[in-house]
All heavy atoms as atom14 arrays in JSON, in Angstrom:
{
  "sequence": "IAFQSQFLLDGLIGVETEVACINMESPTRPALIQDVPGDAQPAFR",
  "atom14_mask": [
    [1, 1, 1, 1, 1, 1, 1, 1, 0, 0, 0, 0, 0, 0],
    [1, 1, 1, 1, 1, 0, 0, 0, 0, 0, 0, 0, 0, 0],
    [1, 1, 1, 1, 1, 1, 1, 1, 1, 1, 1, 0, 0, 0],
    [1, 1, 1, 1, 1, 1, 1, 1, 1, 0, 0, 0, 0, 0],
    [1, 1, 1, 1, 1, 1, 0, 0, 0, 0, 0, 0, 0, 0],
    [1, 1, 1, 1, 1, 1, 1, 1, 1, 0, 0, 0, 0, 0],
    [1, 1, 1, 1, 1, 1, 1, 1, 1, 1, 1, 0, 0, 0],
    [1, 1, 1, 1, 1, 1, 1, 1, 0, 0, 0, 0, 0, 0],
    [1, 1, 1, 1, 1, 1, 1, 1, 0, 0, 0, 0, 0, 0],
    [1, 1, 1, 1, 1, 1, 1, 1, 0, 0, 0, 0, 0, 0],
    [1, 1, 1, 1, 0, 0, 0, 0, 0, 0, 0, 0, 0, 0],
    [1, 1, 1, 1, 1, 1, 1, 1, 0, 0, 0, 0, 0, 0],
    [1, 1, 1, 1, 1, 1, 1, 1, 0, 0, 0, 0, 0, 0],
    [1, 1, 1, 1, 0, 0, 0, 0, 0, 0, 0, 0, 0, 0],
    [1, 1, 1, 1, 1, 1, 1, 0, 0, 0, 0, 0, 0, 0],
    [1, 1, 1, 1, 1, 1, 1, 1, 1, 0, 0, 0, 0, 0],
    [1, 1, 1, 1, 1, 1, 1, 0, 0, 0, 0, 0, 0, 0],
    [1, 1, 1, 1, 1, 1, 1, 1, 1, 0, 0, 0, 0, 0],
    [1, 1, 1, 1, 1, 1, 1, 0, 0, 0, 0, 0, 0, 0],
    [1, 1, 1, 1, 1, 0, 0, 0, 0, 0, 0, 0, 0, 0],
    [1, 1, 1, 1, 1, 1, 0, 0, 0, 0, 0, 0, 0, 0],
    [1, 1, 1, 1, 1, 1, 1, 1, 0, 0, 0, 0, 0, 0],
    [1, 1, 1, 1, 1, 1, 1, 1, 0, 0, 0, 0, 0, 0],
    [1, 1, 1, 1, 1, 1, 1, 1, 0, 0, 0, 0, 0, 0],
    [1, 1, 1, 1, 1, 1, 1, 1, 1, 0, 0, 0, 0, 0],
    [1, 1, 1, 1, 1, 1, 0, 0, 0, 0, 0, 0, 0, 0],
    [1, 1, 1, 1, 1, 1, 1, 0, 0, 0, 0, 0, 0, 0],
    [1, 1, 1, 1, 1, 1, 1, 0, 0, 0, 0, 0, 0, 0],
    [1, 1, 1, 1, 1, 1, 1, 1, 1, 1, 1, 0, 0, 0],
    [1, 1, 1, 1, 1, 1, 1, 0, 0, 0, 0, 0, 0, 0],
    [1, 1, 1, 1, 1, 0, 0, 0, 0, 0, 0, 0, 0, 0],
    [1, 1, 1, 1, 1, 1, 1, 1, 0, 0, 0, 0, 0, 0],
    [1, 1, 1, 1, 1, 1, 1, 1, 0, 0, 0, 0, 0, 0],
    [1, 1, 1, 1, 1, 1, 1, 1, 1, 0, 0, 0, 0, 0],
    [1, 1, 1, 1, 1, 1, 1, 1, 0, 0, 0, 0, 0, 0],
    [1, 1, 1, 1, 1, 1, 1, 0, 0, 0, 0, 0, 0, 0],
    [1, 1, 1, 1, 1, 1, 1, 0, 0, 0, 0, 0, 0, 0],
    [1, 1, 1, 1, 0, 0, 0, 0, 0, 0, 0, 0, 0, 0],
    [1, 1, 1, 1, 1, 1, 1, 1, 0, 0, 0, 0, 0, 0],
    [1, 1, 1, 1, 1, 0, 0, 0, 0, 0, 0, 0, 0, 0],
    [1, 1, 1, 1, 1, 1, 1, 1, 1, 0, 0, 0, 0, 0],
    [1, 1, 1, 1, 1, 1, 1, 0, 0, 0, 0, 0, 0, 0],
    [1, 1, 1, 1, 1, 0, 0, 0, 0, 0, 0, 0, 0, 0],
    [1, 1, 1, 1, 1, 1, 1, 1, 1, 1, 1, 0, 0, 0],
    [1, 1, 1, 1, 1, 1, 1, 1, 1, 1, 1, 0, 0, 0]
  ],
  "atom14_positions": [
    [[46.16, -91.9, 42.95], [44.87, -92.46, 43.47], [44.52, -91.65, 44.73], [45.39, -91.13, 45.41], [45.03, -93.99, 43.76], [43.71, -94.64, 44.07], [46.05, -94.19, 44.86], [43.78, -96.18, 44.04], [0.0, 0.0, 0.0], [0.0, 0.0, 0.0], [0.0, 0.0, 0.0], [0.0, 0.0, 0.0], [0.0, 0.0, 0.0], [0.0, 0.0, 0.0]],
    [[43.25, -91.61, 45.11], [42.78, -90.79, 46.27], [41.89, -91.65, 47.13], [41.15, -92.55, 46.68], [42.06, -89.59, 45.79], [0.0, 0.0, 0.0], [0.0, 0.0, 0.0], [0.0, 0.0, 0.0], [0.0, 0.0, 0.0], [0.0, 0.0, 0.0], [0.0, 0.0, 0.0], [0.0, 0.0, 0.0], [0.0, 0.0, 0.0], [0.0, 0.0, 0.0]],
    [[41.91, -91.33, 48.47], [41.11, -92.05, 49.44], [40.57, -91.06, 50.52], [41.15, -89.96, 50.72], [41.93, -93.1, 50.18], [42.53, -94.15, 49.29], [43.87, -94.01, 48.88], [41.8, -95.19, 48.82], [44.46, -94.95, 48.06], [42.39, -96.16, 47.97], [43.69, -96.02, 47.56], [0.0, 0.0, 0.0], [0.0, 0.0, 0.0], [0.0, 0.0, 0.0]],
    [[39.46, -91.42, 51.13], [39.05, -90.72, 52.33], [40.09, -90.94, 53.37], [40.5, -92.09, 53.7], [37.66, -91.28, 52.79], [36.86, -90.36, 53.64], [37.14, -90.5, 55.15], [37.97, -91.28, 55.51], [36.44, -89.76, 55.93], [0.0, 0.0, 0.0], [0.0, 0.0, 0.0], [0.0, 0.0, 0.0], [0.0, 0.0, 0.0], [0.0, 0.0, 0.0]],
    [[40.55, -89.89, 54.03], [41.77, -90.0, 54.87], [41.6, -90.96, 56.05], [42.5, -91.79, 56.29], [42.18, -88.62, 55.38], [41.12, -88.03, 56.18], [0.0, 0.0, 0.0], [0.0, 0.0, 0.0], [0.0, 0.0, 0.0], [0.0, 0.0, 0.0], [0.0, 0.0, 0.0], [0.0, 0.0, 0.0], [0.0, 0.0, 0.0], [0.0, 0.0, 0.0]],
    [[40.49, -90.92, 56.77], [40.33, -91.8, 57.92], [40.19, -93.26, 57.5], [40.69, -94.14, 58.17], [39.14, -91.35, 58.77], [39.08, -92.09, 60.16], [40.36, -91.88, 60.93], [40.77, -90.75, 61.2], [41.0, -92.95, 61.36], [0.0, 0.0, 0.0], [0.0, 0.0, 0.0], [0.0, 0.0, 0.0], [0.0, 0.0, 0.0], [0.0, 0.0, 0.0]],
    [[39.52, -93.53, 56.38], [39.42, -94.88, 55.9], [40.8, -95.39, 55.55], [41.13, -96.58, 55.88], [38.56, -94.92, 54.66], [37.07, -94.78, 54.88], [36.62, -94.52, 56.17], [36.2, -94.88, 53.9], [35.27, -94.37, 56.45], [34.79, -94.77, 54.11], [34.35, -94.51, 55.39], [0.0, 0.0, 0.0], [0.0, 0.0, 0.0], [0.0, 0.0, 0.0]],
    [[41.66, -94.57, 54.95], [42.98, -94.99, 54.61], [43.83, -95.24, 55.9], [44.54, -96.26, 56.0], [43.7, -93.9, 53.78], [45.13, -94.18, 53.33], [45.22, -95.4, 52.48], [45.67, -92.89, 52.64], [0.0, 0.0, 0.0], [0.0, 0.0, 0.0], [0.0, 0.0, 0.0], [0.0, 0.0, 0.0], [0.0, 0.0, 0.0], [0.0, 0.0, 0.0]],
    [[43.69, -94.39, 56.84], [44.46, -94.53, 58.08], [43.98, -95.76, 58.86], [44.82, -96.5, 59.4], [44.28, -93.29, 58.96], [45.04, -92.07, 58.54], [44.62, -90.84, 59.33], [46.56, -92.3, 58.68], [0.0, 0.0, 0.0], [0.0, 0.0, 0.0], [0.0, 0.0, 0.0], [0.0, 0.0, 0.0], [0.0, 0.0, 0.0], [0.0, 0.0, 0.0]],
    [[42.7, -96.09, 58.85], [42.19, -97.25, 59.6], [42.87, -98.55, 59.03], [43.24, -99.44, 59.8], [40.71, -97.38, 59.47], [39.92, -96.37, 60.28], [40.54, -95.86, 61.27], [38.71, -96.15, 60.04], [0.0, 0.0, 0.0], [0.0, 0.0, 0.0], [0.0, 0.0, 0.0], [0.0, 0.0, 0.0], [0.0, 0.0, 0.0], [0.0, 0.0, 0.0]],
    [[43.03, -98.56, 57.71], [43.66, -99.74, 57.11], [45.13, -99.85, 57.44], [45.66, -100.91, 57.75], [0.0, 0.0, 0.0], [0.0, 0.0, 0.0], [0.0, 0.0, 0.0], [0.0, 0.0, 0.0], [0.0, 0.0, 0.0], [0.0, 0.0, 0.0], [0.0, 0.0, 0.0], [0.0, 0.0, 0.0], [0.0, 0.0, 0.0], [0.0, 0.0, 0.0]],
    [[45.82, -98.69, 57.37], [47.26, -98.74, 57.64], [47.61, -99.03, 59.05], [48.55, -99.71, 59.38], [47.91, -97.4, 57.15], [47.93, -97.09, 55.65], [48.3, -95.65, 55.41], [48.91, -98.07, 54.97], [0.0, 0.0, 0.0], [0.0, 0.0, 0.0], [0.0, 0.0, 0.0], [0.0, 0.0, 0.0], [0.0, 0.0, 0.0], [0.0, 0.0, 0.0]],
    [[46.8, -98.43, 60.02], [47.01, -98.67, 61.39], [46.77, -100.11, 61.8], [47.35, -100.64, 62.73], [46.16, -97.67, 62.24], [46.61, -96.24, 62.07], [46.12, -98.07, 63.71], [45.67, -95.24, 62.61], [0.0, 0.0, 0.0], [0.0, 0.0, 0.0], [0.0, 0.0, 0.0], [0.0, 0.0, 0.0], [0.0, 0.0, 0.0], [0.0, 0.0, 0.0]],
    [[45.92, -100.79, 61.03], [45.65, -102.17, 61.3], [46.78, -103.13, 60.89], [46.86, -104.26, 61.35], [0.0, 0.0, 0.0], [0.0, 0.0, 0.0], [0.0, 0.0, 0.0], [0.0, 0.0, 0.0], [0.0, 0.0, 0.0], [0.0, 0.0, 0.0], [0.0, 0.0, 0.0], [0.0, 0.0, 0.0], [0.0, 0.0, 0.0], [0.0, 0.0, 0.0]],
    [[47.71, -102.64, 60.11], [48.9, -103.42, 59.69], [49.86, -103.55, 60.82], [50.36, -102.52, 61.41], [49.58, -102.84, 58.43], [50.83, -103.58, 58.14], [48.65, -102.82, 57.26], [0.0, 0.0, 0.0], [0.0, 0.0, 0.0], [0.0, 0.0, 0.0], [0.0, 0.0, 0.0], [0.0, 0.0, 0.0], [0.0, 0.0, 0.0], [0.0, 0.0, 0.0]],
    [[50.22, -104.77, 61.23], [51.09, -104.98, 62.42], [52.58, -105.22, 62.01], [53.42, -105.3, 62.87], [50.55, -106.12, 63.27], [49.19, -105.83, 63.91], [48.72, -106.93, 64.8], [49.2, -108.08, 64.66], [47.93, -106.6, 65.74], [0.0, 0.0, 0.0], [0.0, 0.0, 0.0], [0.0, 0.0, 0.0], [0.0, 0.0, 0.0], [0.0, 0.0, 0.0]],
    [[52.84, -105.39, 60.72], [54.22, -105.49, 60.26], [54.76, -104.11, 60.03], [54.03, -103.13, 59.9], [54.29, -106.35, 58.99], [53.38, -105.82, 58.01], [53.93, -107.8, 59.28], [0.0, 0.0, 0.0], [0.0, 0.0, 0.0], [0.0, 0.0, 0.0], [0.0, 0.0, 0.0], [0.0, 0.0, 0.0], [0.0, 0.0, 0.0], [0.0, 0.0, 0.0]],
    [[56.09, -103.98, 59.91], [56.69, -102.63, 59.78], [56.35, -102.08, 58.36], [56.36, -100.86, 58.23], [58.23, -102.75, 59.9], [58.66, -103.09, 61.36], [60.2, -103.07, 61.5], [60.89, -102.78, 60.48], [60.67, -103.36, 62.61], [0.0, 0.0, 0.0], [0.0, 0.0, 0.0], [0.0, 0.0, 0.0], [0.0, 0.0, 0.0], [0.0, 0.0, 0.0]],
    [[56.18, -102.95, 57.42], [55.9, -102.5, 56.03], [54.5, -102.93, 55.66], [54.08, -104.04, 55.93], [56.91, -103.03, 55.06], [56.59, -102.71, 53.62], [58.35, -102.58, 55.37], [0.0, 0.0, 0.0], [0.0, 0.0, 0.0], [0.0, 0.0, 0.0], [0.0, 0.0, 0.0], [0.0, 0.0, 0.0], [0.0, 0.0, 0.0], [0.0, 0.0, 0.0]],
    [[53.76, -102.04, 54.97], [52.48, -102.35, 54.46], [52.59, -102.48, 52.96], [53.34, -101.74, 52.26], [51.47, -101.22, 54.78], [0.0, 0.0, 0.0], [0.0, 0.0, 0.0], [0.0, 0.0, 0.0], [0.0, 0.0, 0.0], [0.0, 0.0, 0.0], [0.0, 0.0, 0.0], [0.0, 0.0, 0.0], [0.0, 0.0, 0.0], [0.0, 0.0, 0.0]],
    [[51.82, -103.4, 52.36], [51.71, -103.6, 50.93], [50.43, -103.0, 50.46], [49.33, -103.39, 50.98], [51.87, -105.03, 50.58], [51.4, -105.44, 48.91], [0.0, 0.0, 0.0], [0.0, 0.0, 0.0], [0.0, 0.0, 0.0], [0.0, 0.0, 0.0], [0.0, 0.0, 0.0], [0.0, 0.0, 0.0], [0.0, 0.0, 0.0], [0.0, 0.0, 0.0]],
    [[50.44, -102.13, 49.48], [49.25, -101.53, 48.88], [49.13, -102.01, 47.43], [49.97, -101.68, 46.59], [49.33, -99.97, 48.95], [49.56, -99.52, 50.39], [48.0, -99.4, 48.39], [49.77, -97.98, 50.48], [0.0, 0.0, 0.0], [0.0, 0.0, 0.0], [0.0, 0.0, 0.0], [0.0, 0.0, 0.0], [0.0, 0.0, 0.0], [0.0, 0.0, 0.0]],
    [[48.11, -102.83, 47.19], [47.87, -103.37, 45.85], [46.84, -102.51, 45.12], [45.74, -102.24, 45.69], [47.37, -104.79, 45.98], [48.4, -105.72, 46.61], [49.4, -106.06, 46.02], [48.14, -106.12, 47.85], [0.0, 0.0, 0.0], [0.0, 0.0, 0.0], [0.0, 0.0, 0.0], [0.0, 0.0, 0.0], [0.0, 0.0, 0.0], [0.0, 0.0, 0.0]],
    [[47.1, -102.13, 43.88], [46.25, -101.28, 43.14], [46.12, -101.74, 41.7], [46.99, -102.48, 41.16], [46.77, -99.84, 43.17], [46.76, -99.2, 44.56], [47.83, -97.73, 44.7], [49.48, -98.48, 44.75], [0.0, 0.0, 0.0], [0.0, 0.0, 0.0], [0.0, 0.0, 0.0], [0.0, 0.0, 0.0], [0.0, 0.0, 0.0], [0.0, 0.0, 0.0]],
    [[45.07, -101.28, 41.03], [44.83, -101.6, 39.61], [44.69, -100.32, 38.82], [45.35, -100.18, 37.76], [43.6, -102.43, 39.41], [43.65, -103.85, 39.97], [42.35, -104.61, 39.73], [41.61, -104.22, 38.81], [42.1, -105.52, 40.47], [0.0, 0.0, 0.0], [0.0, 0.0, 0.0], [0.0, 0.0, 0.0], [0.0, 0.0, 0.0], [0.0, 0.0, 0.0]],
    [[43.85, -99.4, 39.29], [43.65, -98.12, 38.59], [43.13, -97.14, 39.61], [42.69, -97.5, 40.71], [42.65, -98.34, 37.46], [41.31, -98.4, 37.97], [0.0, 0.0, 0.0], [0.0, 0.0, 0.0], [0.0, 0.0, 0.0], [0.0, 0.0, 0.0], [0.0, 0.0, 0.0], [0.0, 0.0, 0.0], [0.0, 0.0, 0.0], [0.0, 0.0, 0.0]],
    [[43.12, -95.79, 39.23], [42.63, -94.76, 40.15], [41.17, -94.91, 40.51], [40.72, -94.28, 41.5], [42.9, -93.5, 39.36], [43.99, -93.8, 38.38], [43.73, -95.23, 38.0], [0.0, 0.0, 0.0], [0.0, 0.0, 0.0], [0.0, 0.0, 0.0], [0.0, 0.0, 0.0], [0.0, 0.0, 0.0], [0.0, 0.0, 0.0], [0.0, 0.0, 0.0]],
    [[40.41, -95.62, 39.73], [38.97, -95.72, 39.98], [38.57, -97.05, 40.61], [37.38, -97.27, 40.87], [38.2, -95.61, 38.65], [38.63, -96.63, 37.74], [38.45, -94.21, 38.04], [0.0, 0.0, 0.0], [0.0, 0.0, 0.0], [0.0, 0.0, 0.0], [0.0, 0.0, 0.0], [0.0, 0.0, 0.0], [0.0, 0.0, 0.0], [0.0, 0.0, 0.0]],
    [[39.53, -97.9, 40.92], [39.23, -99.21, 41.53], [39.68, -99.19, 42.99], [40.57, -98.44, 43.35], [39.89, -100.31, 40.76], [39.53, -100.45, 39.3], [38.19, -101.05, 39.19], [38.18, -102.47, 39.65], [37.09, -103.19, 39.9], [35.9, -102.64, 39.69], [37.17, -104.4, 40.32], [0.0, 0.0, 0.0], [0.0, 0.0, 0.0], [0.0, 0.0, 0.0]],
    [[39.05, -100.07, 43.82], [39.51, -100.15, 45.23], [40.95, -100.62, 45.26], [41.5, -101.25, 44.36], [38.58, -101.18, 45.83], [37.4, -101.24, 44.93], [37.95, -100.94, 43.56], [0.0, 0.0, 0.0], [0.0, 0.0, 0.0], [0.0, 0.0, 0.0], [0.0, 0.0, 0.0], [0.0, 0.0, 0.0], [0.0, 0.0, 0.0], [0.0, 0.0, 0.0]],
    [[41.61, -100.32, 46.41], [42.99, -100.78, 46.7], [42.93, -101.77, 47.86], [42.06, -101.65, 48.73], [43.92, -99.61, 47.02], [0.0, 0.0, 0.0], [0.0, 0.0, 0.0], [0.0, 0.0, 0.0], [0.0, 0.0, 0.0], [0.0, 0.0, 0.0], [0.0, 0.0, 0.0], [0.0, 0.0, 0.0], [0.0, 0.0, 0.0], [0.0, 0.0, 0.0]],
    [[43.9, -102.67, 47.9], [43.98, -103.65, 48.98], [45.24, -103.37, 49.75], [46.37, -103.48, 49.23], [43.98, -105.07, 48.43], [44.11, -106.17, 49.46], [42.81, -106.26, 50.28], [44.41, -107.52, 48.8], [0.0, 0.0, 0.0], [0.0, 0.0, 0.0], [0.0, 0.0, 0.0], [0.0, 0.0, 0.0], [0.0, 0.0, 0.0], [0.0, 0.0, 0.0]],
    [[45.05, -103.08, 51.06], [46.17, -102.9, 51.97], [46.3, -104.19, 52.76], [45.36, -104.8, 53.24], [45.89, -101.73, 52.94], [45.75, -100.43, 52.17], [47.01, -101.6, 53.98], [45.26, -99.25, 53.0], [0.0, 0.0, 0.0], [0.0, 0.0, 0.0], [0.0, 0.0, 0.0], [0.0, 0.0, 0.0], [0.0, 0.0, 0.0], [0.0, 0.0, 0.0]],
    [[47.56, -104.68, 52.91], [47.76, -105.91, 53.69], [49.13, -105.82, 54.39], [50.01, -105.02, 54.06], [47.72, -107.11, 52.75], [48.77, -107.18, 51.72], [48.6, -108.32, 50.78], [47.54, -108.58, 50.26], [49.71, -109.04, 50.53], [0.0, 0.0, 0.0], [0.0, 0.0, 0.0], [0.0, 0.0, 0.0], [0.0, 0.0, 0.0], [0.0, 0.0, 0.0]],
    [[49.32, -106.73, 55.39], [50.56, -106.82, 56.03], [51.57, -107.57, 55.16], [51.16, -108.17, 54.12], [50.47, -107.44, 57.39], [49.72, -108.77, 57.4], [49.59, -109.38, 56.33], [49.13, -109.15, 58.43], [0.0, 0.0, 0.0], [0.0, 0.0, 0.0], [0.0, 0.0, 0.0], [0.0, 0.0, 0.0], [0.0, 0.0, 0.0], [0.0, 0.0, 0.0]],
    [[52.82, -107.5, 55.48], [53.87, -108.17, 54.7], [54.65, -109.1, 55.64], [55.69, -108.71, 56.23], [54.84, -107.16, 54.04], [55.82, -107.87, 53.16], [54.02, -106.14, 53.24], [0.0, 0.0, 0.0], [0.0, 0.0, 0.0], [0.0, 0.0, 0.0], [0.0, 0.0, 0.0], [0.0, 0.0, 0.0], [0.0, 0.0, 0.0], [0.0, 0.0, 0.0]],
    [[54.12, -110.31, 55.9], [54.72, -111.21, 56.93], [55.83, -112.12, 56.34], [56.0, -113.25, 56.77], [53.54, -112.01, 57.31], [52.7, -112.14, 56.11], [52.89, -110.86, 55.33], [0.0, 0.0, 0.0], [0.0, 0.0, 0.0], [0.0, 0.0, 0.0], [0.0, 0.0, 0.0], [0.0, 0.0, 0.0], [0.0, 0.0, 0.0], [0.0, 0.0, 0.0]],
    [[56.59, -111.64, 55.42], [57.66, -112.48, 54.83], [57.09, -113.46, 53.8], [56.35, -113.1, 52.9], [0.0, 0.0, 0.0], [0.0, 0.0, 0.0], [0.0, 0.0, 0.0], [0.0, 0.0, 0.0], [0.0, 0.0, 0.0], [0.0, 0.0, 0.0], [0.0, 0.0, 0.0], [0.0, 0.0, 0.0], [0.0, 0.0, 0.0], [0.0, 0.0, 0.0]],
    [[57.41, -114.75, 53.97], [56.94, -115.74, 53.05], [55.55, -116.27, 53.36], [54.96, -116.96, 52.54], [57.94, -116.97, 53.04], [59.32, -116.62, 52.58], [59.43, -115.66, 51.76], [60.3, -117.21, 52.98], [0.0, 0.0, 0.0], [0.0, 0.0, 0.0], [0.0, 0.0, 0.0], [0.0, 0.0, 0.0], [0.0, 0.0, 0.0], [0.0, 0.0, 0.0]],
    [[55.01, -115.9, 54.56], [53.72, -116.39, 54.9], [52.58, -115.62, 54.22], [52.77, -114.56, 53.66], [53.55, -116.35, 56.42], [0.0, 0.0, 0.0], [0.0, 0.0, 0.0], [0.0, 0.0, 0.0], [0.0, 0.0, 0.0], [0.0, 0.0, 0.0], [0.0, 0.0, 0.0], [0.0, 0.0, 0.0], [0.0, 0.0, 0.0], [0.0, 0.0, 0.0]],
    [[51.4, -116.19, 54.25], [50.22, -115.47, 53.76], [49.84, -114.3, 54.65], [50.06, -114.36, 55.84], [49.06, -116.44, 53.64], [49.14, -117.51, 52.62], [48.92, -116.9, 51.24], [49.84, -116.57, 50.52], [47.65, -116.78, 50.82], [0.0, 0.0, 0.0], [0.0, 0.0, 0.0], [0.0, 0.0, 0.0], [0.0, 0.0, 0.0], [0.0, 0.0, 0.0]],
    [[49.34, -113.2, 54.08], [48.98, -112.07, 54.92], [47.87, -112.43, 55.84], [46.92, -113.15, 55.5], [48.53, -111.01, 53.92], [48.18, -111.76, 52.64], [49.12, -112.95, 52.59], [0.0, 0.0, 0.0], [0.0, 0.0, 0.0], [0.0, 0.0, 0.0], [0.0, 0.0, 0.0], [0.0, 0.0, 0.0], [0.0, 0.0, 0.0], [0.0, 0.0, 0.0]],
    [[48.0, -111.98, 57.12], [46.94, -112.26, 58.16], [45.87, -111.18, 58.11], [44.74, -111.5, 58.4], [47.61, -112.33, 59.5], [0.0, 0.0, 0.0], [0.0, 0.0, 0.0], [0.0, 0.0, 0.0], [0.0, 0.0, 0.0], [0.0, 0.0, 0.0], [0.0, 0.0, 0.0], [0.0, 0.0, 0.0], [0.0, 0.0, 0.0], [0.0, 0.0, 0.0]],
    [[46.26, -109.97, 57.72], [45.32, -108.85, 57.73], [45.21, -108.31, 56.32], [46.21, -108.04, 55.64], [45.82, -107.74, 58.66], [45.03, -106.49, 58.62], [43.72, -106.46, 59.03], [45.61, -105.3, 58.18], [42.98, -105.25, 58.94], [44.88, -104.11, 58.1], [43.54, -104.12, 58.52], [0.0, 0.0, 0.0], [0.0, 0.0, 0.0], [0.0, 0.0, 0.0]],
    [[43.95, -108.1, 55.86], [43.68, -107.51, 54.55], [42.61, -106.46, 54.71], [41.66, -106.65, 55.43], [43.32, -108.6, 53.58], [44.35, -109.57, 53.2], [43.83, -110.84, 52.64], [43.04, -111.56, 53.58], [42.16, -112.54, 53.27], [41.99, -112.9, 52.03], [41.5, -113.15, 54.23], [0.0, 0.0, 0.0], [0.0, 0.0, 0.0], [0.0, 0.0, 0.0]]
  ]
}
């Protein structure tokens, strides 16, 4: 999958946990970046 580099970085830099979760479906669909706060719901998407 491919992304505009700064758009990708803006999302990753916004993640405040040590690990980021990247959810994907296919190369032509958007991806969802979110924090990984353990058992809690993600605060940042």
